[in-house]
Amino acid sequence: MSGVWVFRNGVARLVSNPHVESIDGSELAATRKAVLVHIPTGEVITSYESLERKLTSIGWERYHEDPEMLQFHKAHSSIHLITLPRDFSRFKSVHMYDIVVKNRSYFVVKET
């Protein structure tokens, strides 16, 4: 068993995922939120326009074939592909980590 022991109202319980808190049997997402940070500038990416500028500056090109999503590929040197939902509000940590893995020197995911 792994997790974090939480003490509340004199009662201890083991929480397997400390980023999710259980209240009355329902799970609510913790207040922490992941953000994508451009390492060279320290800028938090808050829009696809900003992200596209950063990616194109390091050699990524945008595919314009699929209207349902945004896709970027590394120009002439890689088979890597970054696929993102069209709506930035659906841009989640899984997408951020995909960008980080393919651009370790340029991006990092941080929790706020």
PDB file of N, CA and C in Angstrom:
ATOM      1  N   MET A   1       0.842  -1.177   0.000  1.00  0.00           N
ATOM      2  CA  MET A   1       0.000   0.000   0.000  1.00  0.00           C
ATOM      3  C   MET A   1       0.884   1.237   0.000  1.00  0.00           C
ATOM      4  N   SER A   2       0.592   2.138  -0.878  1.00  0.00           N
ATOM      5  CA  SER A   2       1.329   3.387  -0.900  1.00  0.00           C
ATOM      6  C   SER A   2       0.333   4.531  -0.906  1.00  0.00           C
ATOM      7  N   GLY A   3       0.777   5.665  -0.465  1.00  0.00           N
ATOM      8  CA  GLY A   3      -0.081   6.830  -0.427  1.00  0.00           C
ATOM      9  C   GLY A   3       0.379   7.799   0.635  1.00  0.00           C
ATOM     10  N   VAL A   4      -0.533   8.642   1.070  1.00  0.00           N
ATOM     11  CA  VAL A   4      -0.249   9.668   2.057  1.00  0.00           C
ATOM     12  C   VAL A   4      -1.275   9.535   3.179  1.00  0.00           C
ATOM     13  N   TRP A   5      -0.794   9.572   4.426  1.00  0.00           N
ATOM     14  CA  TRP A   5      -1.714   9.543   5.562  1.00  0.00           C
ATOM     15  C   TRP A   5      -2.242  10.952   5.790  1.00  0.00           C
ATOM     16  N   VAL A   6      -3.570  11.070   5.846  1.00  0.00           N
ATOM     17  CA  VAL A   6      -4.231  12.351   6.050  1.00  0.00           C
ATOM     18  C   VAL A   6      -4.949  12.299   7.391  1.00  0.00           C
ATOM     19  N   PHE A   7      -4.711  13.314   8.229  1.00  0.00           N
ATOM     20  CA  PHE A   7      -5.378  13.412   9.518  1.00  0.00           C
ATOM     21  C   PHE A   7      -6.408  14.528   9.449  1.00  0.00           C
ATOM     22  N   ARG A   8      -7.670  14.186   9.734  1.00  0.00           N
ATOM     23  CA  ARG A   8      -8.741  15.166   9.724  1.00  0.00           C
ATOM     24  C   ARG A   8      -9.722  14.827  10.846  1.00  0.00           C
ATOM     25  N   ASN A   9      -9.998  15.804  11.681  1.00  0.00           N
ATOM     26  CA  ASN A   9     -10.933  15.622  12.805  1.00  0.00           C
ATOM     27  C   ASN A   9     -10.557  14.436  13.684  1.00  0.00           C
ATOM     28  N   GLY A  10      -9.264  14.265  13.927  1.00  0.00           N
ATOM     29  CA  GLY A  10      -8.800  13.195  14.792  1.00  0.00           C
ATOM     30  C   GLY A  10      -8.798  11.813  14.175  1.00  0.00           C
ATOM     31  N   VAL A  11      -9.109  11.719  12.893  1.00  0.00           N
ATOM     32  CA  VAL A  11      -9.164  10.440  12.208  1.00  0.00           C
ATOM     33  C   VAL A  11      -8.083  10.402  11.134  1.00  0.00           C
ATOM     34  N   ALA A  12      -7.342   9.308  11.110  1.00  0.00           N
ATOM     35  CA  ALA A  12      -6.300   9.133  10.098  1.00  0.00           C
ATOM     36  C   ALA A  12      -6.822   8.192   9.015  1.00  0.00           C
ATOM     37  N   ARG A  13      -6.491   8.526   7.781  1.00  0.00           N
ATOM     38  CA  ARG A  13      -6.842   7.631   6.677  1.00  0.00           C
ATOM     39  C   ARG A  13      -5.747   7.707   5.624  1.00  0.00           C
ATOM     40  N   LEU A  14      -5.590   6.622   4.892  1.00  0.00           N
ATOM     41  CA  LEU A  14      -4.581   6.539   3.842  1.00  0.00           C
ATOM     42  C   LEU A  14      -5.211   6.959   2.524  1.00  0.00           C
ATOM     43  N   VAL A  15      -4.616   7.971   1.897  1.00  0.00           N
ATOM     44  CA  VAL A  15      -5.095   8.444   0.603  1.00  0.00           C
ATOM     45  C   VAL A  15      -4.096   7.988  -0.442  1.00  0.00           C
ATOM     46  N   SER A  16      -4.563   7.187  -1.408  1.00  0.00           N
ATOM     47  CA  SER A  16      -3.649   6.642  -2.416  1.00  0.00           C
ATOM     48  C   SER A  16      -3.218   7.693  -3.425  1.00  0.00           C
ATOM     49  N   ASN A  17      -4.061   8.679  -3.685  1.00  0.00           N
ATOM     50  CA  ASN A  17      -3.724   9.771  -4.603  1.00  0.00           C
ATOM     51  C   ASN A  17      -3.876  11.077  -3.842  1.00  0.00           C
ATOM     52  N   PRO A  18      -2.779  11.663  -3.359  1.00  0.00           N
ATOM     53  CA  PRO A  18      -2.891  12.873  -2.540  1.00  0.00           C
ATOM     54  C   PRO A  18      -3.377  14.104  -3.310  1.00  0.00           C
ATOM     55  N   HIS A  19      -3.442  14.032  -4.636  1.00  0.00           N
ATOM     56  CA  HIS A  19      -3.912  15.172  -5.426  1.00  0.00           C
ATOM     57  C   HIS A  19      -5.422  15.167  -5.589  1.00  0.00           C
ATOM     58  N   VAL A  20      -6.089  14.138  -5.059  1.00  0.00           N
ATOM     59  CA  VAL A  20      -7.541  14.064  -5.112  1.00  0.00           C
ATOM     60  C   VAL A  20      -8.033  13.915  -3.688  1.00  0.00           C
ATOM     61  N   GLU A  21      -9.020  14.703  -3.304  1.00  0.00           N
ATOM     62  CA  GLU A  21      -9.541  14.645  -1.941  1.00  0.00           C
ATOM     63  C   GLU A  21     -10.956  14.106  -1.973  1.00  0.00           C
ATOM     64  N   SER A  22     -11.267  13.186  -1.065  1.00  0.00           N
ATOM     65  CA  SER A  22     -12.589  12.582  -1.009  1.00  0.00           C
ATOM     66  C   SER A  22     -13.417  13.246   0.080  1.00  0.00           C
ATOM     67  N   ILE A  23     -14.600  13.726  -0.293  1.00  0.00           N
ATOM     68  CA  ILE A  23     -15.522  14.323   0.659  1.00  0.00           C
ATOM     69  C   ILE A  23     -16.864  13.637   0.469  1.00  0.00           C
ATOM     70  N   ASP A  24     -17.362  12.985   1.544  1.00  0.00           N
ATOM     71  CA  ASP A  24     -18.643  12.272   1.488  1.00  0.00           C
ATOM     72  C   ASP A  24     -18.694  11.253   0.354  1.00  0.00           C
ATOM     73  N   GLY A  25     -17.573  10.599   0.070  1.00  0.00           N
ATOM     74  CA  GLY A  25     -17.563   9.561  -0.949  1.00  0.00           C
ATOM     75  C   GLY A  25     -17.384  10.075  -2.369  1.00  0.00           C
ATOM     76  N   SER A  26     -17.483  11.361  -2.596  1.00  0.00           N
ATOM     77  CA  SER A  26     -17.280  11.892  -3.949  1.00  0.00           C
ATOM     78  C   SER A  26     -15.879  12.459  -4.048  1.00  0.00           C
ATOM     79  N   GLU A  27     -15.295  12.344  -5.226  1.00  0.00           N
ATOM     80  CA  GLU A  27     -13.938  12.830  -5.415  1.00  0.00           C
ATOM     81  C   GLU A  27     -13.951  14.168  -6.119  1.00  0.00           C
ATOM     82  N   LEU A  28     -13.178  15.100  -5.585  1.00  0.00           N
ATOM     83  CA  LEU A  28     -13.038  16.419  -6.180  1.00  0.00           C
ATOM     84  C   LEU A  28     -11.583  16.624  -6.544  1.00  0.00           C
ATOM     85  N   ALA A  29     -11.333  17.235  -7.671  1.00  0.00           N
ATOM     86  CA  ALA A  29      -9.963  17.500  -8.079  1.00  0.00           C
ATOM     87  C   ALA A  29      -9.337  18.500  -7.116  1.00  0.00           C
ATOM     88  N   ALA A  30      -8.088  18.287  -6.787  1.00  0.00           N
ATOM     89  CA  ALA A  30      -7.376  19.212  -5.917  1.00  0.00           C
ATOM     90  C   ALA A  30      -7.203  20.546  -6.622  1.00  0.00           C
ATOM     91  N   THR A  31      -6.834  21.570  -5.873  1.00  0.00           N
ATOM     92  CA  THR A  31      -6.722  22.904  -6.444  1.00  0.00           C
ATOM     93  C   THR A  31      -5.458  23.093  -7.266  1.00  0.00           C
ATOM     94  N   ARG A  32      -4.558  22.157  -7.212  1.00  0.00           N
ATOM     95  CA  ARG A  32      -3.329  22.286  -8.004  1.00  0.00           C
ATOM     96  C   ARG A  32      -3.642  22.122  -9.483  1.00  0.00           C
ATOM     97  N   LYS A  33      -2.951  22.914 -10.285  1.00  0.00           N
ATOM     98  CA  LYS A  33      -3.150  22.853 -11.723  1.00  0.00           C
ATOM     99  C   LYS A  33      -1.786  22.827 -12.397  1.00  0.00           C
ATOM    100  N   ALA A  34      -1.665  22.016 -13.422  1.00  0.00           N
ATOM    101  CA  ALA A  34      -0.414  21.937 -14.168  1.00  0.00           C
ATOM    102  C   ALA A  34      -0.371  23.046 -15.216  1.00  0.00           C
ATOM    103  N   VAL A  35       0.816  23.623 -15.393  1.00  0.00           N
ATOM    104  CA  VAL A  35       1.024  24.622 -16.432  1.00  0.00           C
ATOM    105  C   VAL A  35       2.293  24.266 -17.202  1.00  0.00           C
ATOM    106  N   LEU A  36       2.312  24.616 -18.468  1.00  0.00           N
ATOM    107  CA  LEU A  36       3.479  24.403 -19.323  1.00  0.00           C
ATOM    108  C   LEU A  36       4.309  25.681 -19.308  1.00  0.00           C
ATOM    109  N   VAL A  37       5.600  25.543 -19.014  1.00  0.00           N
ATOM    110  CA  VAL A  37       6.486  26.698 -18.917  1.00  0.00           C
ATOM    111  C   VAL A  37       7.585  26.586 -19.959  1.00  0.00           C
ATOM    112  N   HIS A  38       7.809  27.668 -20.689  1.00  0.00           N
ATOM    113  CA  HIS A  38       8.911  27.754 -21.651  1.00  0.00           C
ATOM    114  C   HIS A  38      10.168  28.104 -20.856  1.00  0.00           C
ATOM    115  N   ILE A  39      11.124  27.191 -20.784  1.00  0.00           N
ATOM    116  CA  ILE A  39      12.298  27.341 -19.926  1.00  0.00           C
ATOM    117  C   ILE A  39      13.148  28.566 -20.260  1.00  0.00           C
ATOM    118  N   PRO A  40      13.515  28.807 -21.532  1.00  0.00           N
ATOM    119  CA  PRO A  40      14.395  29.946 -21.809  1.00  0.00           C
ATOM    120  C   PRO A  40      13.832  31.302 -21.373  1.00  0.00           C
ATOM    121  N   THR A  41      12.515  31.472 -21.429  1.00  0.00           N
ATOM    122  CA  THR A  41      11.929  32.776 -21.074  1.00  0.00           C
ATOM    123  C   THR A  41      11.205  32.751 -19.735  1.00  0.00           C
ATOM    124  N   GLY A  42      10.914  31.575 -19.213  1.00  0.00           N
ATOM    125  CA  GLY A  42      10.156  31.469 -17.980  1.00  0.00           C
ATOM    126  C   GLY A  42       8.677  31.768 -18.166  1.00  0.00           C
ATOM    127  N   GLU A  43       8.240  31.862 -19.410  1.00  0.00           N
ATOM    128  CA  GLU A  43       6.848  32.210 -19.730  1.00  0.00           C
ATOM    129  C   GLU A  43       5.924  31.005 -19.584  1.00  0.00           C
ATOM    130  N   VAL A  44       4.796  31.221 -18.915  1.00  0.00           N
ATOM    131  CA  VAL A  44       3.763  30.199 -18.832  1.00  0.00           C
ATOM    132  C   VAL A  44       2.962  30.265 -20.125  1.00  0.00           C
ATOM    133  N   ILE A  45       2.776  29.122 -20.770  1.00  0.00           N
ATOM    134  CA  ILE A  45       2.038  29.066 -22.029  1.00  0.00           C
ATOM    135  C   ILE A  45       0.543  29.151 -21.718  1.00  0.00           C
ATOM    136  N   THR A  46      -0.093  30.209 -22.211  1.00  0.00           N
ATOM    137  CA  THR A  46      -1.511  30.456 -21.916  1.00  0.00           C
ATOM    138  C   THR A  46      -2.391  30.424 -23.154  1.00  0.00           C
ATOM    139  N   SER A  47      -1.791  30.157 -24.319  1.00  0.00           N
ATOM    140  CA  SER A  47      -2.578  30.091 -25.550  1.00  0.00           C
ATOM    141  C   SER A  47      -1.824  29.266 -26.581  1.00  0.00           C
ATOM    142  N   TYR A  48      -2.568  28.781 -27.556  1.00  0.00           N
ATOM    143  CA  TYR A  48      -1.919  28.045 -28.641  1.00  0.00           C
ATOM    144  C   TYR A  48      -1.068  28.972 -29.510  1.00  0.00           C
ATOM    145  N   GLU A  49      -1.435  30.232 -29.611  1.00  0.00           N
ATOM    146  CA  GLU A  49      -0.627  31.166 -30.399  1.00  0.00           C
ATOM    147  C   GLU A  49       0.770  31.283 -29.795  1.00  0.00           C
ATOM    148  N   SER A  50       0.830  31.422 -28.480  1.00  0.00           N
ATOM    149  CA  SER A  50       2.112  31.500 -27.786  1.00  0.00           C
ATOM    150  C   SER A  50       2.897  30.201 -27.949  1.00  0.00           C
ATOM    151  N   LEU A  51       2.227  29.072 -27.782  1.00  0.00           N
ATOM    152  CA  LEU A  51       2.883  27.774 -27.933  1.00  0.00           C
ATOM    153  C   LEU A  51       3.405  27.582 -29.346  1.00  0.00           C
ATOM    154  N   GLU A  52       2.614  27.950 -30.339  1.00  0.00           N
ATOM    155  CA  GLU A  52       3.045  27.786 -31.724  1.00  0.00           C
ATOM    156  C   GLU A  52       4.283  28.629 -32.022  1.00  0.00           C
ATOM    157  N   ARG A  53       4.345  29.849 -31.502  1.00  0.00           N
ATOM    158  CA  ARG A  53       5.540  30.687 -31.698  1.00  0.00           C
ATOM    159  C   ARG A  53       6.785  30.015 -31.112  1.00  0.00           C
ATOM    160  N   LYS A  54       6.632  29.450 -29.918  1.00  0.00           N
ATOM    161  CA  LYS A  54       7.774  28.797 -29.269  1.00  0.00           C
ATOM    162  C   LYS A  54       8.194  27.543 -30.033  1.00  0.00           C
ATOM    163  N   LEU A  55       7.222  26.747 -30.458  1.00  0.00           N
ATOM    164  CA  LEU A  55       7.549  25.521 -31.190  1.00  0.00           C
ATOM    165  C   LEU A  55       8.184  25.814 -32.547  1.00  0.00           C
ATOM    166  N   THR A  56       7.645  26.776 -33.284  1.00  0.00           N
ATOM    167  CA  THR A  56       8.224  27.081 -34.600  1.00  0.00           C
ATOM    168  C   THR A  56       9.633  27.651 -34.472  1.00  0.00           C
ATOM    169  N   SER A  57       9.908  28.331 -33.371  1.00  0.00           N
ATOM    170  CA  SER A  57      11.258  28.886 -33.193  1.00  0.00           C
ATOM    171  C   SER A  57      12.302  27.798 -32.964  1.00  0.00           C
ATOM    172  N   ILE A  58      11.867  26.592 -32.575  1.00  0.00           N
ATOM    173  CA  ILE A  58      12.828  25.497 -32.362  1.00  0.00           C
ATOM    174  C   ILE A  58      12.680  24.396 -33.412  1.00  0.00           C
ATOM    175  N   GLY A  59      12.041  24.728 -34.534  1.00  0.00           N
ATOM    176  CA  GLY A  59      12.044  23.821 -35.677  1.00  0.00           C
ATOM    177  C   GLY A  59      10.811  22.969 -35.889  1.00  0.00           C
ATOM    178  N   TRP A  60       9.735  23.205 -35.168  1.00  0.00           N
ATOM    179  CA  TRP A  60       8.500  22.463 -35.392  1.00  0.00           C
ATOM    180  C   TRP A  60       7.665  23.174 -36.441  1.00  0.00           C
ATOM    181  N   GLU A  61       6.959  22.399 -37.244  1.00  0.00           N
ATOM    182  CA  GLU A  61       6.052  22.948 -38.262  1.00  0.00           C
ATOM    183  C   GLU A  61       4.648  22.451 -37.978  1.00  0.00           C
ATOM    184  N   ARG A  62       3.670  23.251 -38.345  1.00  0.00           N
ATOM    185  CA  ARG A  62       2.282  22.883 -38.081  1.00  0.00           C
ATOM    186  C   ARG A  62       1.659  22.208 -39.289  1.00  0.00           C
ATOM    187  N   TYR A  63       0.961  21.088 -39.030  1.00  0.00           N
ATOM    188  CA  TYR A  63       0.126  20.454 -40.045  1.00  0.00           C
ATOM    189  C   TYR A  63      -1.202  21.199 -40.064  1.00  0.00           C
ATOM    190  N   HIS A  64      -1.777  21.384 -41.224  1.00  0.00           N
ATOM    191  CA  HIS A  64      -3.072  22.066 -41.329  1.00  0.00           C
ATOM    192  C   HIS A  64      -4.136  21.143 -41.901  1.00  0.00           C
ATOM    193  N   GLU A  65      -3.932  19.830 -41.820  1.00  0.00           N
ATOM    194  CA  GLU A  65      -4.839  18.891 -42.463  1.00  0.00           C
ATOM    195  C   GLU A  65      -6.096  18.567 -41.662  1.00  0.00           C
ATOM    196  N   ASP A  66      -6.017  18.495 -40.353  1.00  0.00           N
ATOM    197  CA  ASP A  66      -7.146  18.041 -39.538  1.00  0.00           C
ATOM    198  C   ASP A  66      -7.791  19.214 -38.808  1.00  0.00           C
ATOM    199  N   PRO A  67      -9.047  19.548 -39.116  1.00  0.00           N
ATOM    200  CA  PRO A  67      -9.704  20.683 -38.463  1.00  0.00           C
ATOM    201  C   PRO A  67     -10.087  20.399 -37.013  1.00  0.00           C
ATOM    202  N   GLU A  68     -10.048  19.133 -36.578  1.00  0.00           N
ATOM    203  CA  GLU A  68     -10.458  18.763 -35.226  1.00  0.00           C
ATOM    204  C   GLU A  68      -9.335  18.907 -34.196  1.00  0.00           C
ATOM    205  N   MET A  69      -8.091  19.020 -34.656  1.00  0.00           N
ATOM    206  CA  MET A  69      -6.965  19.087 -33.725  1.00  0.00           C
ATOM    207  C   MET A  69      -5.818  19.887 -34.323  1.00  0.00           C
ATOM    208  N   LEU A  70      -4.886  20.253 -33.475  1.00  0.00           N
ATOM    209  CA  LEU A  70      -3.657  20.906 -33.916  1.00  0.00           C
ATOM    210  C   LEU A  70      -2.554  19.853 -33.904  1.00  0.00           C
ATOM    211  N   GLN A  71      -1.750  19.848 -34.946  1.00  0.00           N
ATOM    212  CA  GLN A  71      -0.641  18.908 -35.004  1.00  0.00           C
ATOM    213  C   GLN A  71       0.614  19.639 -35.450  1.00  0.00           C
ATOM    214  N   PHE A  72       1.720  19.245 -34.822  1.00  0.00           N
ATOM    215  CA  PHE A  72       3.024  19.799 -35.162  1.00  0.00           C
ATOM    216  C   PHE A  72       3.980  18.642 -35.402  1.00  0.00           C
ATOM    217  N   HIS A  73       4.882  18.816 -36.364  1.00  0.00           N
ATOM    218  CA  HIS A  73       5.927  17.815 -36.588  1.00  0.00           C
ATOM    219  C   HIS A  73       7.262  18.528 -36.672  1.00  0.00           C
ATOM    220  N   LYS A  74       8.306  17.801 -36.301  1.00  0.00           N
ATOM    221  CA  LYS A  74       9.648  18.358 -36.326  1.00  0.00           C
ATOM    222  C   LYS A  74      10.130  18.344 -37.765  1.00  0.00           C
ATOM    223  N   ALA A  75      10.497  19.490 -38.260  1.00  0.00           N
ATOM    224  CA  ALA A  75      10.867  19.651 -39.662  1.00  0.00           C
ATOM    225  C   ALA A  75      12.120  18.854 -40.021  1.00  0.00           C
ATOM    226  N   HIS A  76      11.986  17.965 -40.960  1.00  0.00           N
ATOM    227  CA  HIS A  76      13.078  17.266 -41.646  1.00  0.00           C
ATOM    228  C   HIS A  76      13.976  16.403 -40.775  1.00  0.00           C
ATOM    229  N   SER A  77      13.795  16.360 -39.456  1.00  0.00           N
ATOM    230  CA  SER A  77      14.781  15.634 -38.659  1.00  0.00           C
ATOM    231  C   SER A  77      14.191  14.590 -37.717  1.00  0.00           C
ATOM    232  N   SER A  78      12.891  14.390 -37.759  1.00  0.00           N
ATOM    233  CA  SER A  78      12.315  13.492 -36.768  1.00  0.00           C
ATOM    234  C   SER A  78      10.969  12.962 -37.229  1.00  0.00           C
ATOM    235  N   ILE A  79      10.574  11.865 -36.617  1.00  0.00           N
ATOM    236  CA  ILE A  79       9.242  11.321 -36.873  1.00  0.00           C
ATOM    237  C   ILE A  79       8.262  11.759 -35.787  1.00  0.00           C
ATOM    238  N   HIS A  80       8.725  12.582 -34.838  1.00  0.00           N
ATOM    239  CA  HIS A  80       7.878  13.025 -33.731  1.00  0.00           C
ATOM    240  C   HIS A  80       6.701  13.857 -34.219  1.00  0.00           C
ATOM    241  N   LEU A  81       5.570  13.641 -33.553  1.00  0.00           N
ATOM    242  CA  LEU A  81       4.352  14.376 -33.859  1.00  0.00           C
ATOM    243  C   LEU A  81       3.709  14.794 -32.544  1.00  0.00           C
ATOM    244  N   ILE A  82       3.309  16.053 -32.446  1.00  0.00           N
ATOM    245  CA  ILE A  82       2.581  16.549 -31.284  1.00  0.00           C
ATOM    246  C   ILE A  82       1.142  16.783 -31.724  1.00  0.00           C
ATOM    247  N   THR A  83       0.191  16.163 -31.037  1.00  0.00           N
ATOM    248  CA  THR A  83      -1.223  16.301 -31.361  1.00  0.00           C
ATOM    249  C   THR A  83      -1.939  16.914 -30.173  1.00  0.00           C
ATOM    250  N   LEU A  84      -2.664  17.995 -30.414  1.00  0.00           N
ATOM    251  CA  LEU A  84      -3.349  18.739 -29.356  1.00  0.00           C
ATOM    252  C   LEU A  84      -4.813  18.945 -29.711  1.00  0.00           C
ATOM    253  N   PRO A  85      -5.684  19.036 -28.707  1.00  0.00           N
ATOM    254  CA  PRO A  85      -7.088  19.343 -29.001  1.00  0.00           C
ATOM    255  C   PRO A  85      -7.208  20.753 -29.552  1.00  0.00           C
ATOM    256  N   ARG A  86      -8.158  20.997 -30.422  1.00  0.00           N
ATOM    257  CA  ARG A  86      -8.342  22.306 -31.049  1.00  0.00           C
ATOM    258  C   ARG A  86      -8.634  23.400 -30.009  1.00  0.00           C
ATOM    259  N   ASP A  87      -9.406  23.056 -28.977  1.00  0.00           N
ATOM    260  CA  ASP A  87      -9.821  24.001 -27.944  1.00  0.00           C
ATOM    261  C   ASP A  87      -8.771  24.033 -26.826  1.00  0.00           C
ATOM    262  N   PHE A  88      -8.188  25.195 -26.564  1.00  0.00           N
ATOM    263  CA  PHE A  88      -7.133  25.311 -25.551  1.00  0.00           C
ATOM    264  C   PHE A  88      -7.632  24.946 -24.156  1.00  0.00           C
ATOM    265  N   SER A  89      -8.915  25.091 -23.893  1.00  0.00           N
ATOM    266  CA  SER A  89      -9.453  24.731 -22.579  1.00  0.00           C
ATOM    267  C   SER A  89      -9.373  23.217 -22.338  1.00  0.00           C
ATOM    268  N   ARG A  90      -9.176  22.443 -23.384  1.00  0.00           N
ATOM    269  CA  ARG A  90      -9.028  20.986 -23.275  1.00  0.00           C
ATOM    270  C   ARG A  90      -7.553  20.552 -23.274  1.00  0.00           C
ATOM    271  N   PHE A  91      -6.651  21.512 -23.243  1.00  0.00           N
ATOM    272  CA  PHE A  91      -5.206  21.279 -23.192  1.00  0.00           C
ATOM    273  C   PHE A  91      -4.856  20.831 -21.772  1.00  0.00           C
ATOM    274  N   LYS A  92      -4.546  19.559 -21.605  1.00  0.00           N
ATOM    275  CA  LYS A  92      -4.341  18.951 -20.287  1.00  0.00           C
ATOM    276  C   LYS A  92      -2.879  18.567 -20.075  1.00  0.00           C
ATOM    277  N   SER A  93      -2.592  18.099 -18.866  1.00  0.00           N
ATOM    278  CA  SER A  93      -1.214  17.762 -18.520  1.00  0.00           C
ATOM    279  C   SER A  93      -0.636  16.664 -19.408  1.00  0.00           C
ATOM    280  N   VAL A  94      -1.445  15.742 -19.878  1.00  0.00           N
ATOM    281  CA  VAL A  94      -0.936  14.693 -20.766  1.00  0.00           C
ATOM    282  C   VAL A  94      -0.366  15.304 -22.053  1.00  0.00           C
ATOM    283  N   HIS A  95      -1.004  16.361 -22.558  1.00  0.00           N
ATOM    284  CA  HIS A  95      -0.501  17.052 -23.750  1.00  0.00           C
ATOM    285  C   HIS A  95       0.786  17.814 -23.415  1.00  0.00           C
ATOM    286  N   MET A  96       0.803  18.417 -22.215  1.00  0.00           N
ATOM    287  CA  MET A  96       1.987  19.170 -21.790  1.00  0.00           C
ATOM    288  C   MET A  96       3.199  18.248 -21.676  1.00  0.00           C
ATOM    289  N   TYR A  97       3.003  17.076 -21.071  1.00  0.00           N
ATOM    290  CA  TYR A  97       4.120  16.152 -20.918  1.00  0.00           C
ATOM    291  C   TYR A  97       4.594  15.612 -22.264  1.00  0.00           C
ATOM    292  N   ASP A  98       3.699  15.466 -23.222  1.00  0.00           N
ATOM    293  CA  ASP A  98       4.099  15.050 -24.567  1.00  0.00           C
ATOM    294  C   ASP A  98       5.047  16.085 -25.165  1.00  0.00           C
ATOM    295  N   ILE A  99       4.739  17.352 -24.983  1.00  0.00           N
ATOM    296  CA  ILE A  99       5.601  18.438 -25.478  1.00  0.00           C
ATOM    297  C   ILE A  99       6.940  18.426 -24.754  1.00  0.00           C
ATOM    298  N   VAL A 100       6.907  18.241 -23.435  1.00  0.00           N
ATOM    299  CA  VAL A 100       8.141  18.231 -22.642  1.00  0.00           C
ATOM    300  C   VAL A 100       9.060  17.085 -23.058  1.00  0.00           C
ATOM    301  N   VAL A 101       8.507  15.884 -23.234  1.00  0.00           N
ATOM    302  CA  VAL A 101       9.321  14.719 -23.599  1.00  0.00           C
ATOM    303  C   VAL A 101      10.029  14.949 -24.928  1.00  0.00           C
ATOM    304  N   LYS A 102       9.384  15.633 -25.838  1.00  0.00           N
ATOM    305  CA  LYS A 102       9.961  15.849 -27.169  1.00  0.00           C
ATOM    306  C   LYS A 102      10.801  17.120 -27.249  1.00  0.00           C
ATOM    307  N   ASN A 103      10.805  17.920 -26.166  1.00  0.00           N
ATOM    308  CA  ASN A 103      11.545  19.187 -26.141  1.00  0.00           C
ATOM    309  C   ASN A 103      12.080  19.452 -24.739  1.00  0.00           C
ATOM    310  N   ARG A 104      12.850  18.532 -24.206  1.00  0.00           N
ATOM    311  CA  ARG A 104      13.283  18.590 -22.798  1.00  0.00           C
ATOM    312  C   ARG A 104      14.040  19.859 -22.428  1.00  0.00           C
ATOM    313  N   SER A 105      14.761  20.442 -23.342  1.00  0.00           N
ATOM    314  CA  SER A 105      15.553  21.635 -23.031  1.00  0.00           C
ATOM    315  C   SER A 105      14.734  22.926 -23.106  1.00  0.00           C
ATOM    316  N   TYR A 106      13.513  22.829 -23.584  1.00  0.00           N
ATOM    317  CA  TYR A 106      12.736  24.044 -23.831  1.00  0.00           C
ATOM    318  C   TYR A 106      11.465  24.175 -22.996  1.00  0.00           C
ATOM    319  N   PHE A 107      10.932  23.080 -22.498  1.00  0.00           N
ATOM    320  CA  PHE A 107       9.659  23.132 -21.769  1.00  0.00           C
ATOM    321  C   PHE A 107       9.721  22.282 -20.513  1.00  0.00           C
ATOM    322  N   VAL A 108       8.909  22.677 -19.524  1.00  0.00           N
ATOM    323  CA  VAL A 108       8.759  21.924 -18.283  1.00  0.00           C
ATOM    324  C   VAL A 108       7.312  22.112 -17.820  1.00  0.00           C
ATOM    325  N   VAL A 109       6.792  21.108 -17.113  1.00  0.00           N
ATOM    326  CA  VAL A 109       5.451  21.201 -16.529  1.00  0.00           C
ATOM    327  C   VAL A 109       5.632  21.489 -15.047  1.00  0.00           C
ATOM    328  N   LYS A 110       4.916  22.493 -14.560  1.00  0.00           N
ATOM    329  CA  LYS A 110       4.961  22.844 -13.138  1.00  0.00           C
ATOM    330  C   LYS A 110       3.545  22.880 -12.593  1.00  0.00           C
ATOM    331  N   GLU A 111       3.418  22.597 -11.305  1.00  0.00           N
ATOM    332  CA  GLU A 111       2.129  22.697 -10.636  1.00  0.00           C
ATOM    333  C   GLU A 111       2.021  24.050  -9.977  1.00  0.00           C
ATOM    334  N   THR A 112       0.828  24.633 -10.065  1.00  0.00           N
ATOM    335  CA  THR A 112       0.621  25.942  -9.444  1.00  0.00           C
ATOM    336  C   THR A 112      -0.065  25.784  -8.104  1.00  0.00           C
TER     337      THR A 112
END
